[in-house]
Amino acid sequence: MDFTNKHQRHYFFLYETGRETPWKYTELEPGNEIFISVCSTFAGHVVRGNPTENLDGKVRHNLGTVVELAWERQANGTNRSWGYISLLEGCDGGAVLTSTDGSGVTTGFSKNILVGAPFKALSNKTDGSVVLDRTVEPGANVAALKYELCLLDPLREAFIIQTFRPVVVTENGRWDLTFYPGTY
């Protein structure tokens, strides 16, 4: 199986908390960057996907790596933001979230943990692409949970189990978010 998709354009979708359809989306060539502006009170998540699935207007498609983000206005007028990488709803590849406020704070992982995953830990997105299955109810996959815990540190790299959430903060309200090869 090809878990890299290095030579195709990729789509990324921003969902506001509580909404079933994307708020914004963008298409990128591998290796390119884009700046996306959100309002100072945005709370939601970013996922990779495809327009046919994510823009179908039916349900939120979230089987895969989820980057949770939220902003809050500070008393001094600046915007603080917090975020983390979640694999609770599955994993379709690595992602790293890094603060740009000079603190060096980061969370996430760049290795492609789909490669070598046990068959019983895998599932399929609506479009058929292969991912590591969800690790929470309903339908929690114990094999996926055990596999992810063998490869990743839940205290620093990803939200895998409900007990630990590796949240990081950026004091200037800006992030460097990188998605690494996976399935799209």
N, C-alpha and C. Protein backbone atom coordinates (compact mmCIF):
# COMPACT_ATOMS: atom_id res chain seq x y z
N MET A 1 0.82 -1.18 0.00
CA MET A 1 0.00 0.00 0.00
C MET A 1 0.87 1.25 0.00
N ASP A 2 0.43 2.27 -0.72
CA ASP A 2 1.16 3.54 -0.76
C ASP A 2 0.57 4.47 0.30
N PHE A 3 1.33 4.76 1.33
CA PHE A 3 0.89 5.67 2.38
C PHE A 3 1.58 7.02 2.28
N THR A 4 2.08 7.37 1.09
CA THR A 4 2.81 8.62 0.98
C THR A 4 2.06 9.67 0.17
N ASN A 5 1.53 9.31 -0.97
CA ASN A 5 0.83 10.26 -1.85
C ASN A 5 1.65 11.53 -2.06
N LYS A 6 2.95 11.37 -2.29
CA LYS A 6 3.85 12.51 -2.39
C LYS A 6 3.67 13.33 -3.66
N HIS A 7 3.06 12.78 -4.68
CA HIS A 7 3.02 13.46 -5.97
C HIS A 7 1.63 13.94 -6.34
N GLN A 8 0.75 14.13 -5.35
CA GLN A 8 -0.58 14.64 -5.66
C GLN A 8 -0.89 15.84 -4.78
N ARG A 9 -1.83 16.64 -5.23
CA ARG A 9 -2.28 17.78 -4.44
C ARG A 9 -3.09 17.25 -3.25
N HIS A 10 -3.07 18.01 -2.15
CA HIS A 10 -3.78 17.59 -0.95
C HIS A 10 -4.74 18.68 -0.50
N TYR A 11 -5.85 18.25 0.06
CA TYR A 11 -6.85 19.17 0.58
C TYR A 11 -6.87 19.10 2.09
N PHE A 12 -7.04 20.28 2.73
CA PHE A 12 -7.12 20.38 4.17
C PHE A 12 -8.38 21.18 4.50
N PHE A 13 -9.14 20.70 5.48
CA PHE A 13 -10.44 21.26 5.82
C PHE A 13 -10.46 21.75 7.26
N LEU A 14 -10.99 22.94 7.48
CA LEU A 14 -11.16 23.51 8.81
C LEU A 14 -12.63 23.41 9.18
N TYR A 15 -12.89 22.81 10.32
CA TYR A 15 -14.25 22.67 10.84
C TYR A 15 -14.37 23.46 12.13
N GLU A 16 -15.40 24.28 12.26
CA GLU A 16 -15.68 24.92 13.53
C GLU A 16 -16.34 23.91 14.44
N THR A 17 -16.06 24.01 15.74
CA THR A 17 -16.68 23.11 16.71
C THR A 17 -18.21 23.21 16.59
N GLY A 18 -18.84 22.06 16.54
CA GLY A 18 -20.29 22.00 16.45
C GLY A 18 -20.86 22.05 15.04
N ARG A 19 -20.02 22.24 14.03
CA ARG A 19 -20.51 22.27 12.64
C ARG A 19 -20.15 20.97 11.94
N GLU A 20 -21.02 20.51 11.11
CA GLU A 20 -20.83 19.26 10.40
C GLU A 20 -20.19 19.44 9.03
N THR A 21 -20.16 20.66 8.53
CA THR A 21 -19.56 20.93 7.22
C THR A 21 -18.36 21.85 7.41
N PRO A 22 -17.39 21.79 6.50
CA PRO A 22 -16.18 22.62 6.64
C PRO A 22 -16.50 24.11 6.61
N TRP A 23 -15.73 24.87 7.40
CA TRP A 23 -15.83 26.32 7.42
C TRP A 23 -14.96 26.89 6.30
N LYS A 24 -13.75 26.35 6.14
CA LYS A 24 -12.81 26.73 5.10
C LYS A 24 -12.08 25.47 4.64
N TYR A 25 -11.52 25.56 3.44
CA TYR A 25 -10.62 24.50 2.99
C TYR A 25 -9.62 25.06 2.00
N THR A 26 -8.54 24.31 1.82
CA THR A 26 -7.50 24.73 0.89
C THR A 26 -6.88 23.52 0.23
N GLU A 27 -6.30 23.74 -0.92
CA GLU A 27 -5.59 22.70 -1.66
C GLU A 27 -4.12 23.11 -1.75
N LEU A 28 -3.23 22.15 -1.49
CA LEU A 28 -1.80 22.44 -1.52
C LEU A 28 -1.03 21.37 -2.27
N GLU A 29 0.02 21.80 -2.95
CA GLU A 29 1.00 20.87 -3.52
C GLU A 29 1.93 20.45 -2.38
N PRO A 30 2.41 19.21 -2.39
CA PRO A 30 3.36 18.79 -1.35
C PRO A 30 4.55 19.75 -1.27
N GLY A 31 4.93 20.11 -0.05
CA GLY A 31 6.06 20.99 0.17
C GLY A 31 5.73 22.47 0.19
N ASN A 32 4.52 22.86 -0.20
CA ASN A 32 4.14 24.26 -0.21
C ASN A 32 3.53 24.68 1.13
N GLU A 33 3.47 25.99 1.34
CA GLU A 33 2.91 26.56 2.55
C GLU A 33 1.78 27.51 2.20
N ILE A 34 0.90 27.74 3.18
CA ILE A 34 -0.17 28.71 3.02
C ILE A 34 -0.48 29.30 4.39
N PHE A 35 -0.89 30.56 4.42
CA PHE A 35 -1.32 31.21 5.65
C PHE A 35 -2.84 31.23 5.64
N ILE A 36 -3.46 30.75 6.72
CA ILE A 36 -4.92 30.78 6.84
C ILE A 36 -5.28 31.58 8.07
N SER A 37 -6.10 32.57 7.87
CA SER A 37 -6.55 33.44 8.96
C SER A 37 -7.88 32.93 9.51
N VAL A 38 -8.00 32.96 10.83
CA VAL A 38 -9.26 32.62 11.50
C VAL A 38 -9.59 33.76 12.45
N CYS A 39 -10.84 33.82 12.90
CA CYS A 39 -11.23 34.88 13.84
C CYS A 39 -10.61 34.63 15.21
N SER A 40 -10.57 35.64 16.05
CA SER A 40 -9.89 35.56 17.34
C SER A 40 -10.58 34.64 18.34
N THR A 41 -11.77 34.16 18.01
CA THR A 41 -12.48 33.24 18.91
C THR A 41 -12.71 31.87 18.26
N PHE A 42 -12.00 31.58 17.17
CA PHE A 42 -12.19 30.31 16.47
C PHE A 42 -11.83 29.14 17.39
N ALA A 43 -12.66 28.11 17.34
CA ALA A 43 -12.37 26.83 18.00
C ALA A 43 -12.83 25.75 17.03
N GLY A 44 -11.97 24.80 16.75
CA GLY A 44 -12.32 23.74 15.82
C GLY A 44 -11.14 22.87 15.51
N HIS A 45 -11.16 22.29 14.32
CA HIS A 45 -10.08 21.37 13.96
C HIS A 45 -9.79 21.39 12.47
N VAL A 46 -8.60 20.87 12.15
CA VAL A 46 -8.14 20.75 10.78
C VAL A 46 -7.93 19.27 10.49
N VAL A 47 -8.40 18.83 9.31
CA VAL A 47 -8.20 17.45 8.87
C VAL A 47 -7.79 17.47 7.41
N ARG A 48 -7.14 16.39 6.97
CA ARG A 48 -6.89 16.23 5.54
C ARG A 48 -8.07 15.45 4.97
N GLY A 49 -8.31 15.63 3.69
CA GLY A 49 -9.45 14.94 3.09
C GLY A 49 -9.52 15.19 1.61
N ASN A 50 -10.73 15.03 1.05
CA ASN A 50 -10.94 15.32 -0.36
C ASN A 50 -12.30 15.98 -0.54
N PRO A 51 -12.44 16.83 -1.56
CA PRO A 51 -13.68 17.59 -1.73
C PRO A 51 -14.92 16.71 -1.93
N THR A 52 -14.78 15.61 -2.63
CA THR A 52 -15.93 14.75 -2.87
C THR A 52 -16.53 14.27 -1.55
N GLU A 53 -15.67 13.91 -0.62
CA GLU A 53 -16.14 13.41 0.67
C GLU A 53 -16.47 14.56 1.62
N ASN A 54 -15.54 15.47 1.84
CA ASN A 54 -15.71 16.48 2.86
C ASN A 54 -16.71 17.58 2.51
N LEU A 55 -17.01 17.75 1.24
CA LEU A 55 -17.98 18.77 0.84
C LEU A 55 -19.31 18.18 0.39
N ASP A 56 -19.59 16.93 0.80
CA ASP A 56 -20.83 16.29 0.37
C ASP A 56 -22.06 16.80 1.13
N GLY A 57 -21.86 17.60 2.19
CA GLY A 57 -22.97 18.18 2.93
C GLY A 57 -23.71 17.22 3.83
N LYS A 58 -23.21 16.02 3.97
CA LYS A 58 -23.94 15.02 4.75
C LYS A 58 -23.50 14.98 6.21
N VAL A 59 -22.32 14.46 6.47
CA VAL A 59 -21.84 14.34 7.85
C VAL A 59 -20.39 14.78 7.91
N ARG A 60 -19.93 15.07 9.13
CA ARG A 60 -18.52 15.42 9.31
C ARG A 60 -17.68 14.17 9.13
N HIS A 61 -16.73 14.21 8.23
CA HIS A 61 -15.86 13.07 7.97
C HIS A 61 -14.60 13.25 8.80
N ASN A 62 -14.46 12.45 9.85
CA ASN A 62 -13.36 12.70 10.77
C ASN A 62 -12.52 11.48 11.09
N LEU A 63 -12.61 10.41 10.32
CA LEU A 63 -11.75 9.25 10.56
C LEU A 63 -10.36 9.59 10.05
N GLY A 64 -9.46 9.86 10.97
CA GLY A 64 -8.10 10.25 10.60
C GLY A 64 -7.53 11.21 11.61
N THR A 65 -6.34 11.69 11.35
CA THR A 65 -5.63 12.60 12.24
C THR A 65 -6.37 13.93 12.31
N VAL A 66 -6.60 14.41 13.53
CA VAL A 66 -7.32 15.66 13.76
C VAL A 66 -6.41 16.61 14.54
N VAL A 67 -6.28 17.85 14.04
CA VAL A 67 -5.53 18.88 14.75
C VAL A 67 -6.55 19.82 15.37
N GLU A 68 -6.66 19.78 16.69
CA GLU A 68 -7.61 20.62 17.43
C GLU A 68 -6.94 21.96 17.75
N LEU A 69 -7.67 23.05 17.52
CA LEU A 69 -7.14 24.40 17.75
C LEU A 69 -8.22 25.30 18.35
N ALA A 70 -7.81 26.23 19.20
CA ALA A 70 -8.75 27.22 19.73
C ALA A 70 -7.99 28.50 20.06
N TRP A 71 -8.68 29.64 19.90
CA TRP A 71 -8.10 30.94 20.19
C TRP A 71 -8.91 31.61 21.29
N GLU A 72 -8.23 32.43 22.08
CA GLU A 72 -8.92 33.22 23.09
C GLU A 72 -8.25 34.59 23.18
N ARG A 73 -9.08 35.60 23.28
CA ARG A 73 -8.59 36.98 23.38
C ARG A 73 -8.11 37.23 24.80
N GLN A 74 -6.91 37.79 24.93
CA GLN A 74 -6.34 38.10 26.25
C GLN A 74 -6.68 39.52 26.66
N ALA A 75 -6.59 39.81 27.96
CA ALA A 75 -6.89 41.14 28.49
C ALA A 75 -6.02 42.22 27.86
N ASN A 76 -4.80 41.87 27.46
CA ASN A 76 -3.89 42.85 26.86
C ASN A 76 -4.14 43.05 25.35
N GLY A 77 -5.19 42.39 24.82
CA GLY A 77 -5.54 42.56 23.41
C GLY A 77 -4.92 41.57 22.46
N THR A 78 -4.03 40.72 22.95
CA THR A 78 -3.42 39.71 22.09
C THR A 78 -4.28 38.45 22.05
N ASN A 79 -3.98 37.58 21.11
CA ASN A 79 -4.70 36.32 20.98
C ASN A 79 -3.79 35.16 21.35
N ARG A 80 -4.15 34.40 22.34
CA ARG A 80 -3.45 33.18 22.72
C ARG A 80 -4.19 32.03 22.03
N SER A 81 -3.43 31.00 21.68
CA SER A 81 -4.05 29.84 21.05
C SER A 81 -3.47 28.57 21.66
N TRP A 82 -4.28 27.54 21.75
CA TRP A 82 -3.83 26.23 22.22
C TRP A 82 -4.20 25.19 21.17
N GLY A 83 -3.49 24.07 21.19
CA GLY A 83 -3.79 23.03 20.23
C GLY A 83 -3.13 21.71 20.57
N TYR A 84 -3.56 20.67 19.88
CA TYR A 84 -2.98 19.34 20.03
C TYR A 84 -3.34 18.48 18.84
N ILE A 85 -2.62 17.37 18.69
CA ILE A 85 -2.87 16.39 17.63
C ILE A 85 -3.66 15.25 18.25
N SER A 86 -4.79 14.91 17.66
CA SER A 86 -5.64 13.84 18.19
C SER A 86 -5.70 12.66 17.23
N LEU A 87 -5.51 11.46 17.78
CA LEU A 87 -5.69 10.22 17.03
C LEU A 87 -6.88 9.43 17.56
N LEU A 88 -7.69 10.05 18.40
CA LEU A 88 -8.86 9.35 18.95
C LEU A 88 -9.79 8.87 17.85
N GLU A 89 -9.92 9.67 16.80
CA GLU A 89 -10.82 9.33 15.69
C GLU A 89 -10.07 8.66 14.54
N GLY A 90 -8.87 8.15 14.80
CA GLY A 90 -8.10 7.46 13.77
C GLY A 90 -6.82 8.22 13.43
N CYS A 91 -6.05 7.66 12.51
CA CYS A 91 -4.80 8.29 12.09
C CYS A 91 -4.59 8.04 10.60
N ASP A 92 -4.48 9.13 9.83
CA ASP A 92 -4.19 9.01 8.40
C ASP A 92 -2.83 9.58 8.06
N GLY A 93 -1.97 9.75 9.09
CA GLY A 93 -0.61 10.24 8.89
C GLY A 93 -0.22 11.20 10.00
N GLY A 94 1.05 11.56 10.01
CA GLY A 94 1.58 12.44 11.05
C GLY A 94 1.26 13.90 10.83
N ALA A 95 1.32 14.64 11.93
CA ALA A 95 1.15 16.09 11.90
C ALA A 95 1.93 16.66 13.08
N VAL A 96 2.53 17.82 12.87
CA VAL A 96 3.27 18.49 13.94
C VAL A 96 2.76 19.93 14.04
N LEU A 97 2.51 20.34 15.27
CA LEU A 97 2.02 21.68 15.58
C LEU A 97 3.09 22.38 16.42
N THR A 98 3.62 23.51 15.91
CA THR A 98 4.70 24.21 16.58
C THR A 98 4.31 25.67 16.82
N SER A 99 4.54 26.13 18.03
CA SER A 99 4.29 27.53 18.38
C SER A 99 5.27 28.42 17.62
N THR A 100 4.80 29.59 17.22
CA THR A 100 5.69 30.55 16.54
C THR A 100 6.02 31.73 17.44
N ASP A 101 5.78 31.60 18.76
CA ASP A 101 6.03 32.71 19.69
C ASP A 101 7.45 32.72 20.25
N GLY A 102 8.32 31.83 19.72
CA GLY A 102 9.69 31.77 20.18
C GLY A 102 9.93 30.82 21.34
N SER A 103 8.89 30.19 21.85
CA SER A 103 9.02 29.28 22.99
C SER A 103 9.57 27.92 22.60
N GLY A 104 9.44 27.55 21.32
CA GLY A 104 9.90 26.25 20.86
C GLY A 104 8.96 25.12 21.21
N VAL A 105 7.78 25.43 21.72
CA VAL A 105 6.81 24.41 22.11
C VAL A 105 6.26 23.71 20.87
N THR A 106 6.19 22.39 20.94
CA THR A 106 5.70 21.60 19.81
C THR A 106 5.01 20.33 20.30
N THR A 107 4.14 19.81 19.49
CA THR A 107 3.50 18.52 19.75
C THR A 107 3.24 17.86 18.41
N GLY A 108 3.10 16.56 18.42
CA GLY A 108 2.82 15.82 17.19
C GLY A 108 3.95 14.88 16.84
N PHE A 109 3.88 14.33 15.63
CA PHE A 109 4.87 13.36 15.16
C PHE A 109 4.95 13.41 13.65
N SER A 110 6.14 13.13 13.12
CA SER A 110 6.35 13.20 11.68
C SER A 110 6.46 11.82 11.02
N LYS A 111 6.69 10.78 11.81
CA LYS A 111 6.86 9.46 11.21
C LYS A 111 5.53 8.92 10.69
N ASN A 112 5.61 8.17 9.61
CA ASN A 112 4.42 7.59 9.00
C ASN A 112 4.12 6.25 9.68
N ILE A 113 3.30 6.30 10.71
CA ILE A 113 3.02 5.09 11.49
C ILE A 113 2.04 4.14 10.79
N LEU A 114 1.52 4.53 9.65
CA LEU A 114 0.67 3.63 8.88
C LEU A 114 1.48 2.48 8.29
N VAL A 115 2.72 2.78 7.94
CA VAL A 115 3.60 1.75 7.37
C VAL A 115 3.91 0.73 8.45
N GLY A 116 3.61 -0.52 8.18
CA GLY A 116 3.87 -1.61 9.12
C GLY A 116 2.78 -1.85 10.14
N ALA A 117 1.68 -1.12 10.06
CA ALA A 117 0.59 -1.31 11.02
C ALA A 117 -0.05 -2.68 10.85
N PRO A 118 -0.44 -3.33 11.95
CA PRO A 118 -1.12 -4.61 11.84
C PRO A 118 -2.47 -4.46 11.15
N PHE A 119 -2.84 -5.44 10.35
CA PHE A 119 -4.08 -5.39 9.59
C PHE A 119 -5.30 -5.11 10.47
N LYS A 120 -5.34 -5.72 11.64
CA LYS A 120 -6.53 -5.57 12.50
C LYS A 120 -6.62 -4.18 13.14
N ALA A 121 -5.58 -3.35 12.99
CA ALA A 121 -5.61 -1.98 13.50
C ALA A 121 -6.12 -0.99 12.45
N LEU A 122 -6.33 -1.46 11.23
CA LEU A 122 -6.69 -0.58 10.11
C LEU A 122 -8.20 -0.50 9.88
N SER A 123 -8.59 0.57 9.22
CA SER A 123 -9.97 0.78 8.81
C SER A 123 -9.93 1.56 7.50
N ASN A 124 -11.10 1.95 7.00
CA ASN A 124 -11.18 2.73 5.77
C ASN A 124 -12.02 3.97 5.96
N LYS A 125 -11.56 5.08 5.36
CA LYS A 125 -12.39 6.28 5.29
C LYS A 125 -13.54 6.00 4.32
N THR A 126 -14.48 6.91 4.28
CA THR A 126 -15.62 6.77 3.35
C THR A 126 -15.15 6.63 1.92
N ASP A 127 -14.04 7.31 1.56
CA ASP A 127 -13.53 7.25 0.19
C ASP A 127 -12.69 6.00 -0.08
N GLY A 128 -12.53 5.12 0.94
CA GLY A 128 -11.79 3.87 0.77
C GLY A 128 -10.34 3.92 1.18
N SER A 129 -9.78 5.12 1.45
CA SER A 129 -8.38 5.18 1.84
C SER A 129 -8.17 4.54 3.22
N VAL A 130 -7.03 3.86 3.37
CA VAL A 130 -6.72 3.10 4.57
C VAL A 130 -6.15 4.00 5.65
N VAL A 131 -6.64 3.83 6.88
CA VAL A 131 -6.20 4.60 8.04
C VAL A 131 -6.11 3.68 9.25
N LEU A 132 -5.42 4.14 10.29
CA LEU A 132 -5.51 3.46 11.58
C LEU A 132 -6.88 3.80 12.17
N ASP A 133 -7.53 2.83 12.74
CA ASP A 133 -8.90 2.99 13.23
C ASP A 133 -8.97 3.85 14.48
N ARG A 134 -10.16 4.25 14.86
CA ARG A 134 -10.41 5.07 16.05
C ARG A 134 -10.08 4.30 17.32
N THR A 135 -9.71 5.05 18.37
CA THR A 135 -9.33 4.42 19.63
C THR A 135 -10.32 4.72 20.76
N VAL A 136 -11.44 5.36 20.43
CA VAL A 136 -12.48 5.67 21.42
C VAL A 136 -13.81 5.13 20.94
N GLU A 137 -14.73 5.01 21.85
CA GLU A 137 -16.08 4.56 21.54
C GLU A 137 -16.80 5.62 20.74
N PRO A 138 -17.78 5.28 19.91
CA PRO A 138 -18.17 3.91 19.59
C PRO A 138 -17.20 3.28 18.58
N GLY A 139 -17.04 2.03 18.65
CA GLY A 139 -16.21 1.30 17.70
C GLY A 139 -14.72 1.38 17.97
N ALA A 140 -14.31 1.57 19.22
CA ALA A 140 -12.89 1.64 19.54
C ALA A 140 -12.16 0.38 19.10
N ASN A 141 -11.00 0.56 18.49
CA ASN A 141 -10.20 -0.55 17.99
C ASN A 141 -8.99 -0.71 18.93
N VAL A 142 -9.02 -1.78 19.74
CA VAL A 142 -7.96 -2.02 20.72
C VAL A 142 -6.61 -2.26 20.04
N ALA A 143 -6.61 -2.92 18.88
CA ALA A 143 -5.36 -3.16 18.16
C ALA A 143 -4.71 -1.84 17.72
N ALA A 144 -5.53 -0.89 17.26
CA ALA A 144 -5.01 0.43 16.86
C ALA A 144 -4.46 1.17 18.07
N LEU A 145 -5.17 1.10 19.18
CA LEU A 145 -4.72 1.76 20.40
C LEU A 145 -3.37 1.22 20.86
N LYS A 146 -3.24 -0.09 20.94
CA LYS A 146 -1.99 -0.71 21.37
C LYS A 146 -0.84 -0.37 20.42
N TYR A 147 -1.11 -0.41 19.12
CA TYR A 147 -0.08 -0.10 18.13
C TYR A 147 0.41 1.34 18.27
N GLU A 148 -0.51 2.29 18.38
CA GLU A 148 -0.14 3.70 18.51
C GLU A 148 0.64 3.95 19.79
N LEU A 149 0.23 3.30 20.90
CA LEU A 149 0.94 3.48 22.16
C LEU A 149 2.34 2.88 22.15
N CYS A 150 2.57 1.89 21.29
CA CYS A 150 3.93 1.34 21.14
C CYS A 150 4.85 2.29 20.39
N LEU A 151 4.30 3.15 19.55
CA LEU A 151 5.10 4.02 18.69
C LEU A 151 5.17 5.48 19.14
N LEU A 152 4.16 5.93 19.86
CA LEU A 152 4.06 7.36 20.19
C LEU A 152 3.94 7.58 21.70
N ASP A 153 4.41 8.73 22.14
CA ASP A 153 4.32 9.12 23.54
C ASP A 153 3.04 9.95 23.73
N PRO A 154 2.04 9.41 24.47
CA PRO A 154 0.79 10.14 24.64
C PRO A 154 0.92 11.40 25.49
N LEU A 155 2.04 11.59 26.15
CA LEU A 155 2.26 12.80 26.94
C LEU A 155 2.83 13.94 26.10
N ARG A 156 3.41 13.61 24.93
CA ARG A 156 4.07 14.64 24.12
C ARG A 156 3.63 14.68 22.67
N GLU A 157 3.25 13.54 22.10
CA GLU A 157 3.08 13.48 20.65
C GLU A 157 1.64 13.48 20.15
N ALA A 158 0.73 12.81 20.85
CA ALA A 158 -0.63 12.72 20.32
C ALA A 158 -1.62 12.33 21.40
N PHE A 159 -2.82 12.83 21.25
CA PHE A 159 -3.96 12.48 22.11
C PHE A 159 -4.48 11.13 21.61
N ILE A 160 -4.11 10.06 22.32
CA ILE A 160 -4.44 8.70 21.91
C ILE A 160 -5.46 8.08 22.86
N ILE A 161 -5.31 8.38 24.14
CA ILE A 161 -6.22 7.87 25.17
C ILE A 161 -6.79 9.05 25.95
N GLN A 162 -7.98 8.89 26.49
CA GLN A 162 -8.68 9.98 27.15
C GLN A 162 -7.91 10.59 28.33
N THR A 163 -7.02 9.83 28.94
CA THR A 163 -6.33 10.27 30.15
C THR A 163 -5.32 11.39 29.90
N PHE A 164 -4.65 11.40 28.76
CA PHE A 164 -3.59 12.35 28.47
C PHE A 164 -3.91 13.15 27.21
N ARG A 165 -3.80 14.47 27.29
CA ARG A 165 -4.00 15.34 26.14
C ARG A 165 -2.81 16.28 26.06
N PRO A 166 -1.87 16.05 25.12
CA PRO A 166 -0.66 16.89 25.05
C PRO A 166 -0.93 18.25 24.41
N VAL A 167 -1.54 19.14 25.18
CA VAL A 167 -1.91 20.47 24.70
C VAL A 167 -0.69 21.40 24.77
N VAL A 168 -0.50 22.18 23.73
CA VAL A 168 0.54 23.20 23.72
C VAL A 168 -0.10 24.56 23.45
N VAL A 169 0.60 25.62 23.83
CA VAL A 169 0.07 26.98 23.73
C VAL A 169 1.04 27.85 22.96
N THR A 170 0.50 28.75 22.16
CA THR A 170 1.30 29.80 21.54
C THR A 170 0.73 31.13 22.00
N GLU A 171 1.59 31.96 22.54
CA GLU A 171 1.15 33.24 23.10
C GLU A 171 0.86 34.29 22.04
N ASN A 172 1.32 34.09 20.81
CA ASN A 172 1.07 35.09 19.77
C ASN A 172 -0.10 34.71 18.85
N GLY A 173 -0.77 33.58 19.14
CA GLY A 173 -1.93 33.19 18.36
C GLY A 173 -1.62 32.64 16.98
N ARG A 174 -0.37 32.28 16.71
CA ARG A 174 0.02 31.75 15.40
C ARG A 174 0.74 30.42 15.55
N TRP A 175 0.48 29.55 14.59
CA TRP A 175 1.06 28.20 14.59
C TRP A 175 1.77 27.92 13.28
N ASP A 176 2.69 27.00 13.35
CA ASP A 176 3.24 26.35 12.16
C ASP A 176 2.70 24.93 12.23
N LEU A 177 1.82 24.57 11.33
CA LEU A 177 1.22 23.25 11.29
C LEU A 177 1.70 22.52 10.03
N THR A 178 2.30 21.36 10.22
CA THR A 178 2.80 20.57 9.10
C THR A 178 2.13 19.21 9.12
N PHE A 179 1.53 18.83 8.01
CA PHE A 179 1.01 17.48 7.84
C PHE A 179 2.06 16.67 7.07
N TYR A 180 2.32 15.46 7.51
CA TYR A 180 3.31 14.59 6.89
C TYR A 180 2.63 13.52 6.07
N PRO A 181 3.38 12.79 5.20
CA PRO A 181 2.75 11.80 4.31
C PRO A 181 1.84 10.83 5.07
N GLY A 182 0.79 10.50 4.40
CA GLY A 182 -0.22 9.57 4.92
C GLY A 182 -1.22 9.26 3.83
N THR A 183 -2.44 8.95 4.19
CA THR A 183 -3.47 8.69 3.19
C THR A 183 -4.43 9.86 3.14
N TYR A 184 -4.89 10.17 1.94
CA TYR A 184 -5.74 11.34 1.75
C TYR A 184 -6.98 10.98 0.99
